[in-house]
């Protein structure tokens, strides 16, 4: 009996609570002004004196002025259901579909903005706008199911991309550690090769200096020998020319009277060439033929002519001039040595040169040696030191080249590690790939994490639309967009830029490219990397909670 009494009491209490809840709900619903969402209904309750405070807290107005088609509050909060306030907002409940807020200026403008028609006034016991929220909701639900299925299937491929991306990251880390070890070894080897090269080049420089000094002496001796060999011929030609000049009567002899005309033969400088002075040059004869002139007269006449022309110099002057000449050669010698060293030290791309065999020796020429056309011939000992120095240079250059290649690879790895490939490295595999899209005018190319470009289908050069800048999504999903900036400048305009919208799909592809604003491009890129199923489910949960 007591059990039934307690049960009856519990049922009665429940009925009371339900009645109170119904009364509260009805009261809230009845007092909620038009255009206010249920979530904000409690903010639109009147005070005990029938007043109401604007949501910005600045002004208090009578409660009956809410939605009186006059803007009393600075924030427009008193007119959510009319178009009186330019900064007001109207809430569309849209039961069965997605709720939305629209500017209050669009309320009662004759256009149905809310799918439930609540933004337009009811007339003739009916609504101007048909309530099609349930139809739209069903269509939206079907669309979301398709998207959910796509995200579920794409998530499997995304997991594969994540696995591969993390593997690539791990491989880069391991490779970098390996390169650092190689770099330390190569630096030590470079220091060793540099010391060897320095010692070999010092020995080479000393040997080349000795060789060149010897070569200068040989060249001087050869020049002197050539000069002596050529002197008799020159002497005969000079003698013949002067014999013809003196033989004014062309009888084949030079006579005393013919020499007396040449005042350069005035030995005592008294203004007259005497007979005795003329006979001196004719070996005390009255006249002389060409052979006698060549053998006897010309050796006496030539010094006098040179002295008169300022060409004759005493022996001590010639020695001084020769000494100065040798001194000049010594001053110029280091430059000559440098040139020769440059010739033998030109080792850039040495490993690409072919081996040559010379006729006078059957040895392979080192890869860093000079070509046969400009190969300098040295004595065996000097050549040995030159070859040793060249080998040392080649060895040093090879180590230096290896070290630069290691540094370049380390930099590439660091550049990749600095890039953000997504929270789970899912976008890593896209780096290095390029995707194209064609419309009627252009071919667009996007290379993720590198650059975006445009090229006319009729030909011409490629135009850079932007280079990788950053992720550009909102706070809810940072990885939904990418930005490419600092592209080629538009004519009389800004630099080009591109924003890439990433969408879930089973295969990567560019679906569209638009230019909504001048020099700003939008790419729609589909990829399995964007198929984050967990994020999609969480977004769906939030959407249903909102509904």
Protein backbone atom coordinates (compact mmCIF):
# COMPACT_ATOMS: atom_id res chain seq x y z
CA UNK A 1 0.00 0.00 0.00
CA UNK A 2 2.82 2.32 0.90
CA UNK A 3 4.51 1.47 -2.43
CA UNK A 4 1.50 2.65 -4.43
CA UNK A 5 1.27 5.79 -2.31
CA UNK A 6 4.92 6.62 -2.99
CA UNK A 7 4.46 5.85 -6.69
CA UNK A 8 1.40 8.11 -6.87
CA UNK A 9 3.35 10.87 -5.15
CA UNK A 10 6.26 10.48 -7.59
CA UNK A 11 3.92 10.61 -10.61
CA UNK A 12 2.24 13.70 -9.22
CA UNK A 13 5.64 15.36 -8.70
CA UNK A 14 6.66 14.51 -12.23
CA UNK A 15 3.46 15.98 -13.66
CA UNK A 16 4.05 19.17 -11.68
CA UNK A 17 7.59 19.47 -12.98
CA UNK A 18 6.46 18.90 -16.57
CA UNK A 19 3.75 21.53 -16.16
CA UNK A 20 6.24 24.01 -14.77
CA UNK A 21 8.65 23.23 -17.65
CA UNK A 22 5.85 23.74 -20.19
CA UNK A 23 4.87 27.01 -18.58
CA UNK A 24 8.52 28.18 -18.57
CA UNK A 25 9.04 27.15 -22.19
CA UNK A 26 5.79 28.81 -23.29
CA UNK A 27 6.70 31.94 -21.37
CA UNK A 28 10.18 32.04 -22.91
CA UNK A 29 8.79 31.33 -26.33
CA UNK A 30 6.09 33.92 -25.99
CA UNK A 31 8.48 36.58 -24.73
CA UNK A 32 11.22 35.82 -27.29
CA UNK A 33 11.06 38.66 -29.85
CA UNK A 34 11.04 37.97 -33.56
CA UNK A 35 14.48 37.39 -35.02
CA UNK A 36 16.05 36.23 -31.73
CA UNK A 37 17.51 32.73 -31.46
CA UNK A 38 16.49 30.43 -28.64
CA UNK A 39 20.02 30.62 -27.29
CA UNK A 40 19.68 34.39 -26.79
CA UNK A 41 16.02 34.33 -25.57
CA UNK A 42 17.04 34.78 -21.93
CA UNK A 43 18.71 38.09 -22.84
CA UNK A 44 15.42 39.50 -24.06
CA UNK A 45 13.43 39.19 -20.81
CA UNK A 46 11.85 42.40 -19.37
CA UNK A 47 12.85 43.72 -15.99
CA UNK A 48 10.39 44.03 -13.13
CA UNK A 49 9.64 47.58 -14.23
CA UNK A 50 8.96 46.53 -17.81
CA UNK A 51 12.27 47.90 -19.10
CA UNK A 52 15.04 46.27 -21.07
CA UNK A 53 18.83 46.94 -21.31
CA UNK A 54 20.49 47.01 -24.75
CA UNK A 55 22.94 44.14 -25.20
CA UNK A 56 25.88 46.56 -25.25
CA UNK A 57 24.77 47.70 -21.75
CA UNK A 58 24.77 51.38 -22.68
CA UNK A 59 21.07 52.26 -22.76
CA UNK A 60 17.86 51.14 -21.07
CA UNK A 61 14.59 51.36 -22.99
CA UNK A 62 10.98 50.31 -22.37
CA UNK A 63 10.58 46.66 -23.23
CA UNK A 64 7.76 47.40 -25.66
CA UNK A 65 10.19 49.33 -27.89
CA UNK A 66 11.82 46.08 -29.03
CA UNK A 67 11.00 45.55 -32.70
CA UNK A 68 9.04 48.82 -32.90
CA UNK A 69 10.80 49.62 -36.22
CA UNK A 70 12.91 52.33 -34.58
CA UNK A 71 16.57 51.87 -33.71
CA UNK A 72 17.08 52.82 -30.04
CA UNK A 73 20.27 50.84 -29.24
CA UNK A 74 23.63 51.72 -30.75
CA UNK A 75 24.39 48.06 -31.36
CA UNK A 76 21.01 47.51 -33.10
CA UNK A 77 20.06 44.79 -30.61
CA UNK A 78 16.56 46.24 -29.99
CA UNK A 79 15.47 45.63 -33.60
CA UNK A 80 16.35 41.98 -34.43
CA UNK A 81 13.06 41.49 -36.28
CA UNK A 82 12.92 44.71 -38.34
CA UNK A 83 15.14 46.52 -40.82
CA UNK A 84 15.39 49.66 -38.65
CA UNK A 85 19.03 49.13 -37.57
CA UNK A 86 21.73 48.80 -40.21
CA UNK A 87 23.95 46.81 -37.87
CA UNK A 88 21.25 44.44 -36.62
CA UNK A 89 21.01 40.68 -37.18
CA UNK A 90 17.99 38.46 -37.78
CA UNK A 91 18.11 34.80 -36.76
CA UNK A 92 16.51 32.21 -39.05
CA UNK A 93 15.55 29.16 -36.99
CA UNK A 94 15.21 27.02 -40.15
CA UNK A 95 14.01 23.99 -38.25
CA UNK A 96 14.94 20.85 -40.17
CA UNK A 97 17.85 22.59 -41.91
CA UNK A 98 20.81 24.78 -40.97
CA UNK A 99 20.08 27.85 -38.78
CA UNK A 100 21.52 31.10 -40.05
CA UNK A 101 21.86 34.79 -39.24
CA UNK A 102 21.16 37.41 -41.88
CA UNK A 103 21.55 41.21 -41.81
CA UNK A 104 18.35 42.75 -40.43
CA UNK A 105 18.27 45.02 -43.48
CA UNK A 106 17.02 41.99 -45.44
CA UNK A 107 13.99 41.50 -43.19
CA UNK A 108 10.64 42.15 -44.90
CA UNK A 109 12.31 43.12 -48.16
CA UNK A 110 10.08 40.80 -50.18
CA UNK A 111 12.85 38.25 -50.69
CA UNK A 112 12.82 34.95 -48.87
CA UNK A 113 16.20 34.57 -47.22
CA UNK A 114 15.28 32.03 -44.55
CA UNK A 115 14.13 28.65 -45.76
CA UNK A 116 11.35 28.75 -43.11
CA UNK A 117 10.19 32.17 -44.40
CA UNK A 118 10.47 33.75 -40.96
CA UNK A 119 12.21 36.85 -42.36
CA UNK A 120 8.98 37.92 -44.13
CA UNK A 121 5.73 39.07 -42.37
CA UNK A 122 2.75 36.71 -42.29
CA UNK A 123 -0.15 37.92 -44.38
CA UNK A 124 -3.71 36.60 -44.85
CA UNK A 125 -3.21 33.78 -42.38
CA UNK A 126 -0.39 32.49 -44.54
CA UNK A 127 3.27 33.13 -45.17
CA UNK A 128 4.70 34.86 -48.14
CA UNK A 129 7.50 32.36 -48.24
CA UNK A 130 7.12 28.62 -48.40
CA UNK A 131 8.84 26.67 -45.66
CA UNK A 132 11.11 24.28 -47.55
CA UNK A 133 13.62 23.69 -44.76
CA UNK A 134 12.82 19.98 -44.51
CA UNK A 135 13.37 19.48 -48.24
CA UNK A 136 16.64 21.37 -48.12
CA UNK A 137 17.59 19.49 -44.96
CA UNK A 138 17.02 16.12 -46.65
CA UNK A 139 19.10 17.22 -49.68
CA UNK A 140 21.81 18.49 -47.38
CA UNK A 141 21.72 15.29 -45.38
CA UNK A 142 22.16 13.23 -48.54
CA UNK A 143 25.05 15.43 -49.60
CA UNK A 144 26.66 15.03 -46.19
CA UNK A 145 26.28 11.26 -46.37
CA UNK A 146 28.06 11.24 -49.72
CA UNK A 147 30.79 13.42 -48.26
CA UNK A 148 31.04 11.18 -45.21
CA UNK A 149 31.44 8.14 -47.45
CA UNK A 150 34.08 9.97 -49.47
CA UNK A 151 35.98 10.96 -46.33
CA UNK A 152 35.79 7.40 -45.03
CA UNK A 153 37.26 5.95 -48.24
CA UNK A 154 39.75 8.80 -48.62
CA UNK A 155 40.89 8.35 -45.03
CA UNK A 156 42.41 4.98 -45.93
CA UNK A 157 44.54 6.65 -48.61
CA UNK A 158 45.33 9.49 -46.23
CA UNK A 159 46.65 6.96 -43.72
CA UNK A 160 48.96 5.63 -46.42
CA UNK A 161 50.18 9.17 -47.13
CA UNK A 162 50.77 9.73 -43.41
CA UNK A 163 52.81 6.53 -43.19
CA UNK A 164 54.85 7.48 -46.23
CA UNK A 165 55.30 11.08 -45.05
CA UNK A 166 56.61 10.00 -41.66
CA UNK A 167 58.88 7.47 -43.33
CA UNK A 168 60.27 10.23 -45.55
CA UNK A 169 60.82 12.41 -42.49
CA UNK A 170 62.62 9.55 -40.73
CA UNK A 171 64.77 8.91 -43.81
CA UNK A 172 65.70 12.60 -44.01
CA UNK A 173 66.73 12.59 -40.36
CA UNK A 174 68.87 9.48 -40.82
CA UNK A 175 70.38 10.82 -44.05
CA UNK A 176 71.27 14.12 -42.40
CA UNK A 177 73.05 12.35 -39.55
CA UNK A 178 74.96 10.30 -42.12
CA UNK A 179 75.89 13.46 -44.06
CA UNK A 180 77.13 15.16 -40.90
CA UNK A 181 79.48 12.23 -40.30
CA UNK A 182 80.69 12.37 -43.90
CA UNK A 183 81.13 16.12 -43.60
CA UNK A 184 83.42 15.77 -40.56
CA UNK A 185 85.51 13.18 -42.41
CA UNK A 186 85.72 15.33 -45.54
CA UNK A 187 86.71 18.44 -43.56
CA UNK A 188 89.60 16.54 -41.95
CA UNK A 189 90.59 15.13 -45.35
CA UNK A 190 90.36 18.60 -46.92
CA UNK A 191 92.75 20.02 -44.31
CA UNK A 192 95.19 17.18 -45.02
CA UNK A 193 94.97 17.64 -48.81
CA UNK A 194 95.37 21.38 -48.41
CA UNK A 195 98.65 20.95 -46.54
CA UNK A 196 99.92 18.54 -49.18
CA UNK A 197 98.88 20.93 -51.94
CA UNK A 198 100.56 23.89 -50.26
CA UNK A 199 103.89 22.03 -49.88
CA UNK A 200 103.73 20.67 -53.45
CA UNK A 201 102.93 24.11 -54.89
CA UNK A 202 105.82 25.68 -52.96
CA UNK A 203 108.24 23.09 -54.42
CA UNK A 204 106.65 23.61 -57.85
CA UNK A 205 107.05 27.40 -57.61
CA UNK A 206 110.76 27.10 -56.70
CA UNK A 207 111.37 24.64 -59.55
CA UNK A 208 109.52 26.83 -62.04
CA UNK A 209 111.52 29.88 -60.96
CA UNK A 210 114.80 28.04 -61.53
CA UNK A 211 113.52 26.67 -64.83
CA UNK A 212 112.41 30.08 -66.05
CA UNK A 213 115.71 31.69 -65.09
CA UNK A 214 117.49 29.02 -67.08
CA UNK A 215 115.03 29.49 -69.91
CA UNK A 216 115.69 33.25 -69.94
CA UNK A 217 119.42 32.64 -70.16
CA UNK A 218 118.92 30.18 -73.01
CA UNK A 219 116.60 32.59 -74.80
CA UNK A 220 119.12 35.41 -74.40
CA UNK A 221 121.94 33.23 -75.76
CA UNK A 222 119.78 32.12 -78.66
CA UNK A 223 118.84 35.72 -79.41
CA UNK A 224 122.47 36.78 -79.34
CA UNK A 225 123.41 33.92 -81.59
CA UNK A 226 120.67 34.83 -84.02
CA UNK A 227 121.78 38.43 -83.91
CA UNK A 228 125.35 37.47 -84.69
CA UNK A 229 124.21 35.20 -87.49
CA UNK A 230 122.10 37.95 -88.96
CA UNK A 231 124.67 40.73 -88.50
CA UNK A 232 126.84 40.00 -91.61
CA UNK A 233 123.78 40.06 -93.84
CA UNK A 234 122.56 43.31 -92.34
CA UNK A 235 126.04 44.76 -92.52
CA UNK A 236 126.33 43.97 -96.24
CA UNK A 237 122.88 45.50 -96.96
CA UNK A 238 123.74 48.68 -95.08
CA UNK A 239 127.14 48.90 -96.84
CA UNK A 240 125.54 48.38 -100.23
CA UNK A 241 122.97 51.10 -99.62
CA UNK A 242 125.65 53.59 -98.56
CA UNK A 243 127.98 52.62 -101.43
CA UNK A 244 125.19 53.40 -103.92
CA UNK A 245 124.54 56.72 -102.11
CA UNK A 246 128.20 57.77 -102.25
CA UNK A 247 128.76 56.59 -105.85
CA UNK A 248 127.13 59.64 -107.36
CA UNK A 249 128.64 59.16 -110.84
CA UNK A 250 127.60 55.47 -110.86
CA UNK A 251 130.96 54.23 -112.08
CA UNK A 252 131.18 51.42 -109.52
CA UNK A 253 133.71 53.22 -107.34
CA UNK A 254 133.58 55.59 -104.38
CA UNK A 255 136.12 58.37 -104.75
CA UNK A 256 137.65 60.98 -102.43
CA UNK A 257 135.57 63.81 -103.92
CA UNK A 258 132.37 61.83 -103.44
CA UNK A 259 133.08 61.33 -99.72
CA UNK A 260 133.98 65.00 -99.21
CA UNK A 261 130.30 65.90 -99.76
CA UNK A 262 129.20 63.98 -96.54
CA UNK A 263 129.84 66.40 -93.63
CA UNK A 264 129.34 63.60 -91.10
CA UNK A 265 132.85 62.45 -92.11
CA UNK A 266 134.37 65.74 -90.84
CA UNK A 267 136.46 64.17 -88.16
CA UNK A 268 137.99 67.36 -86.72
CA UNK A 269 134.69 69.26 -86.93
CA UNK A 270 136.20 72.23 -88.83
CA UNK A 271 133.42 72.37 -91.37
CA UNK A 272 135.41 70.77 -94.22
CA UNK A 273 136.02 67.12 -95.15
CA UNK A 274 139.63 67.23 -96.22
CA UNK A 275 141.31 64.88 -98.70
CA UNK A 276 143.19 63.27 -95.86
CA UNK A 277 139.94 62.72 -93.94
CA UNK A 278 138.29 61.23 -97.01
CA UNK A 279 141.29 58.99 -97.72
CA UNK A 280 141.12 57.73 -94.12
CA UNK A 281 137.74 56.20 -94.90
CA UNK A 282 139.13 54.83 -98.24
CA UNK A 283 142.08 53.15 -96.53
CA UNK A 284 144.39 55.89 -97.96
CA UNK A 285 143.28 55.21 -101.51
CA UNK A 286 141.86 57.58 -104.10
CA UNK A 287 138.92 55.34 -104.84
CA UNK A 288 137.57 51.92 -103.87
CA UNK A 289 135.13 49.35 -105.33
CA UNK A 290 132.26 47.73 -103.42
CA UNK A 291 134.19 44.77 -102.01
CA UNK A 292 136.85 47.11 -100.69
CA UNK A 293 134.16 49.48 -99.37
CA UNK A 294 132.47 46.58 -97.54
CA UNK A 295 135.69 45.28 -96.02
CA UNK A 296 137.61 48.51 -95.36
CA UNK A 297 135.47 51.65 -95.62
CA UNK A 298 132.10 50.73 -94.12
CA UNK A 299 133.49 49.54 -90.75
CA UNK A 300 135.01 53.05 -90.39
CA UNK A 301 132.06 55.04 -91.75
CA UNK A 302 129.23 53.25 -89.82
CA UNK A 303 130.33 54.29 -86.27
CA UNK A 304 130.66 57.89 -87.43
CA UNK A 305 127.12 57.83 -88.88
CA UNK A 306 125.69 56.23 -85.73
CA UNK A 307 127.39 58.81 -83.55
CA UNK A 308 125.98 61.60 -85.66
CA UNK A 309 122.47 60.06 -85.41
CA UNK A 310 122.76 59.53 -81.67
CA UNK A 311 122.60 55.74 -82.09
CA UNK A 312 126.13 54.91 -81.05
CA UNK A 313 126.68 54.20 -77.38
CA UNK A 314 129.87 53.29 -75.54
CA UNK A 315 130.25 49.69 -74.35
CA UNK A 316 129.58 50.57 -70.68
CA UNK A 317 126.20 52.10 -71.60
CA UNK A 318 125.15 48.91 -73.39
CA UNK A 319 126.01 46.88 -70.31
CA UNK A 320 123.90 49.20 -68.11
CA UNK A 321 120.93 48.93 -70.49
CA UNK A 322 121.18 45.14 -70.56
CA UNK A 323 121.25 45.06 -66.75
CA UNK A 324 118.12 47.22 -66.60
CA UNK A 325 116.41 44.96 -69.11
CA UNK A 326 117.12 41.89 -66.95
CA UNK A 327 115.85 43.76 -63.91
CA UNK A 328 112.55 44.52 -65.68
CA UNK A 329 112.20 40.86 -66.58
CA UNK A 330 112.65 39.92 -62.93
CA UNK A 331 109.93 42.36 -61.89
CA UNK A 332 107.52 40.93 -64.44
CA UNK A 333 108.43 37.33 -63.64
CA UNK A 334 105.95 36.75 -60.73
CA UNK A 335 103.04 37.75 -62.99
CA UNK A 336 104.29 35.32 -65.62
CA UNK A 337 104.59 32.64 -62.96
CA UNK A 338 101.04 33.33 -61.83
CA UNK A 339 99.78 32.99 -65.37
CA UNK A 340 101.54 29.68 -65.72
CA UNK A 341 100.20 28.50 -62.39
CA UNK A 342 96.71 29.49 -63.50
CA UNK A 343 97.23 27.39 -66.58
CA UNK A 344 98.30 24.34 -64.62
CA UNK A 345 95.90 25.00 -61.76
CA UNK A 346 92.75 25.17 -63.85
CA UNK A 347 91.04 22.14 -62.34
CA UNK A 348 87.37 23.09 -62.54
CA UNK A 349 85.50 20.14 -64.03
CA UNK A 350 88.81 18.31 -64.26
CA UNK A 351 87.11 14.92 -64.04
CA UNK A 352 85.41 15.64 -67.40
CA UNK A 353 88.64 16.05 -69.40
CA UNK A 354 89.90 13.17 -71.56
CA UNK A 355 93.25 11.45 -71.15
CA UNK A 356 95.86 12.30 -73.84
CA UNK A 357 98.95 10.46 -75.03
CA UNK A 358 101.94 12.37 -76.42
CA UNK A 359 104.28 11.08 -79.13
CA UNK A 360 107.47 11.75 -77.14
CA UNK A 361 106.19 9.93 -74.01
CA UNK A 362 103.70 7.13 -73.53
CA UNK A 363 102.36 8.30 -70.15
CA UNK A 364 98.76 9.18 -69.33
CA UNK A 365 98.26 12.87 -68.78
CA UNK A 366 96.55 13.56 -65.43
CA UNK A 367 92.93 14.71 -65.54
CA UNK A 368 94.00 18.11 -64.23
CA UNK A 369 96.84 18.62 -66.71
CA UNK A 370 96.80 21.17 -69.47
CA UNK A 371 95.96 20.23 -73.05
CA UNK A 372 98.71 19.27 -75.54
CA UNK A 373 98.26 22.53 -77.44
CA UNK A 374 99.48 24.67 -74.54
CA UNK A 375 101.43 22.11 -72.51
CA UNK A 376 104.71 23.59 -71.27
CA UNK A 377 107.78 21.42 -71.82
CA UNK A 378 110.00 21.22 -68.73
CA UNK A 379 113.10 19.35 -67.82
CA UNK A 380 112.37 15.95 -66.18
CA UNK A 381 112.87 17.11 -62.59
CA UNK A 382 110.76 20.26 -62.99
CA UNK A 383 108.05 18.27 -64.80
CA UNK A 384 108.00 15.77 -61.95
CA UNK A 385 107.39 18.54 -59.38
CA UNK A 386 104.73 20.14 -61.60
CA UNK A 387 102.93 16.79 -61.94
CA UNK A 388 103.05 16.23 -58.17
CA UNK A 389 101.59 19.70 -57.55
CA UNK A 390 98.88 19.12 -60.15
CA UNK A 391 97.93 15.81 -58.56
CA UNK A 392 97.76 17.53 -55.16
CA UNK A 393 95.51 20.23 -56.60
CA UNK A 394 93.25 17.64 -58.19
CA UNK A 395 92.99 15.71 -54.94
CA UNK A 396 92.20 18.87 -52.97
CA UNK A 397 89.59 20.02 -55.52
CA UNK A 398 87.89 16.61 -55.45
CA UNK A 399 87.55 16.71 -51.65
CA UNK A 400 86.37 20.33 -51.77
CA UNK A 401 83.79 19.43 -54.42
CA UNK A 402 82.54 16.51 -52.32
CA UNK A 403 82.25 18.79 -49.29
CA UNK A 404 80.21 21.35 -51.23
CA UNK A 405 77.87 18.61 -52.48
CA UNK A 406 77.37 17.40 -48.90
CA UNK A 407 76.60 20.96 -47.73
CA UNK A 408 74.12 21.39 -50.59
CA UNK A 409 72.30 18.15 -49.68
CA UNK A 410 72.20 19.11 -45.99
CA UNK A 411 70.67 22.46 -46.92
CA UNK A 412 68.03 20.75 -49.07
CA UNK A 413 67.11 18.45 -46.17
CA UNK A 414 66.94 21.39 -43.75
CA UNK A 415 64.69 23.28 -46.17
CA UNK A 416 62.36 20.29 -46.35
CA UNK A 417 62.34 19.80 -42.58
CA UNK A 418 61.45 23.47 -42.15
CA UNK A 419 58.29 23.05 -44.23
CA UNK A 420 54.99 22.24 -42.53
CA UNK A 421 53.60 19.15 -44.27
CA UNK A 422 50.51 18.94 -42.09
CA UNK A 423 49.95 17.73 -38.52
CA UNK A 424 50.85 14.16 -39.51
CA UNK A 425 53.12 14.75 -42.55
CA UNK A 426 50.20 13.80 -44.82
CA UNK A 427 51.08 16.43 -47.44
CA UNK A 428 54.80 15.53 -47.63
CA UNK A 429 54.44 13.36 -50.74
CA UNK A 430 53.04 16.32 -52.68
CA UNK A 431 56.35 18.20 -52.42
CA UNK A 432 58.11 17.64 -55.73
CA UNK A 433 54.90 16.82 -57.61
CA UNK A 434 53.19 19.18 -60.10
CA UNK A 435 49.55 19.27 -61.25
CA UNK A 436 48.11 21.03 -64.31
CA UNK A 437 44.75 22.44 -65.30
CA UNK A 438 43.69 23.84 -68.69
CA UNK A 439 40.94 26.25 -69.56
CA UNK A 440 40.20 27.94 -72.86
CA UNK A 441 43.10 30.40 -72.56
CA UNK A 442 45.73 29.14 -70.15
CA UNK A 443 47.52 26.12 -68.76
CA UNK A 444 47.91 26.44 -64.99
CA UNK A 445 50.54 24.48 -63.09
CA UNK A 446 50.73 24.04 -59.33
CA UNK A 447 53.76 22.48 -57.67
CA UNK A 448 52.78 22.27 -53.97
CA UNK A 449 55.27 23.82 -51.54
CA UNK A 450 57.11 25.37 -54.50
CA UNK A 451 55.26 27.60 -56.99
CA UNK A 452 52.15 28.25 -59.08
CA UNK A 453 52.36 29.40 -62.71
CA UNK A 454 50.35 30.25 -65.79
CA UNK A 455 51.14 29.85 -69.47
CA UNK A 456 49.12 30.79 -72.53
CA UNK A 457 47.90 27.85 -74.59
CA UNK A 458 49.05 29.70 -77.71
CA UNK A 459 52.65 29.69 -76.47
CA UNK A 460 54.96 32.22 -74.88
CA UNK A 461 56.79 32.31 -71.60
CA UNK A 462 55.52 31.05 -68.26
CA UNK A 463 54.28 33.57 -65.68
CA UNK A 464 54.84 32.92 -61.99
CA UNK A 465 51.63 33.40 -60.00
CA UNK A 466 53.33 32.97 -56.65
CA UNK A 467 55.85 31.00 -54.62
CA UNK A 468 55.12 28.92 -51.53
CA UNK A 469 54.38 31.19 -48.58
CA UNK A 470 52.29 29.57 -45.82
CA UNK A 471 49.21 27.66 -44.77
CA UNK A 472 46.27 30.02 -45.06
CA UNK A 473 43.26 28.30 -43.45
CA UNK A 474 41.14 29.67 -40.61
CA UNK A 475 41.51 28.90 -36.91
CA UNK A 476 39.24 25.87 -37.23
CA UNK A 477 41.29 24.25 -40.01
CA UNK A 478 44.66 25.78 -40.71
CA UNK A 479 45.43 23.18 -43.37
CA UNK A 480 42.41 23.86 -45.57
CA UNK A 481 44.18 26.51 -47.69
CA UNK A 482 47.65 27.36 -48.95
CA UNK A 483 48.99 30.73 -50.02
CA UNK A 484 51.56 31.38 -52.77
CA UNK A 485 52.87 34.96 -52.82
CA UNK A 486 55.37 37.29 -54.55
CA UNK A 487 54.56 36.26 -58.10
CA UNK A 488 55.31 38.27 -61.23
CA UNK A 489 53.98 41.84 -61.10
CA UNK A 490 50.89 42.65 -63.09
CA UNK A 491 51.18 45.46 -65.57
CA UNK A 492 50.57 48.64 -63.60
CA UNK A 493 49.35 46.52 -60.71
CA UNK A 494 50.36 44.39 -57.69
CA UNK A 495 52.37 41.20 -57.60
CA UNK A 496 50.41 38.09 -58.46
CA UNK A 497 49.36 35.67 -55.71
CA UNK A 498 47.40 32.42 -55.44
CA UNK A 499 45.28 30.71 -52.79
CA UNK A 500 44.85 26.94 -53.01
CA UNK A 501 41.69 25.42 -51.50
CA UNK A 502 42.30 21.80 -50.49
CA UNK A 503 39.38 19.37 -50.72
CA UNK A 504 38.96 15.68 -50.04
CA UNK A 505 39.11 13.33 -53.05
CA UNK A 506 40.43 9.87 -53.81
CA UNK A 507 42.94 11.12 -56.40
CA UNK A 508 44.91 14.39 -56.53
CA UNK A 509 43.80 16.85 -59.23
CA UNK A 510 43.13 20.54 -59.84
CA UNK A 511 39.39 20.97 -60.47
CA UNK A 512 39.21 24.69 -61.21
CA UNK A 513 41.23 27.92 -61.36
CA UNK A 514 39.58 31.34 -61.11
CA UNK A 515 40.69 34.94 -60.84
CA UNK A 516 38.06 36.58 -58.61
CA UNK A 517 40.20 39.67 -58.16
CA UNK A 518 42.82 41.16 -60.43
CA UNK A 519 46.09 39.27 -60.11
CA UNK A 520 44.64 37.00 -57.37
CA UNK A 521 44.04 33.38 -58.33
CA UNK A 522 42.07 30.62 -56.61
CA UNK A 523 42.97 26.95 -57.17
CA UNK A 524 40.66 24.11 -56.14
CA UNK A 525 42.97 21.16 -55.45
CA UNK A 526 41.58 17.77 -54.53
CA UNK A 527 43.75 15.28 -52.66
CA UNK A 528 43.35 12.27 -50.31
CA UNK A 529 45.58 14.15 -47.85
CA UNK A 530 42.60 16.42 -47.09
CA UNK A 531 40.34 13.48 -46.17
CA UNK A 532 40.51 13.88 -42.38
CA UNK A 533 37.62 11.61 -41.38
CA UNK A 534 37.86 12.36 -37.65
CA UNK A 535 37.68 16.12 -38.26
CA UNK A 536 34.74 15.59 -40.58
CA UNK A 537 32.86 13.55 -37.94
CA UNK A 538 33.57 16.21 -35.29
CA UNK A 539 32.26 18.93 -37.62
CA UNK A 540 29.15 16.86 -38.29
CA UNK A 541 28.56 16.45 -34.55
CA UNK A 542 28.80 20.22 -34.04
CA UNK A 543 26.39 20.76 -36.91
CA UNK A 544 23.83 18.36 -35.48
CA UNK A 545 24.19 19.94 -32.05
CA UNK A 546 23.45 23.29 -33.65
CA UNK A 547 20.42 21.86 -35.43
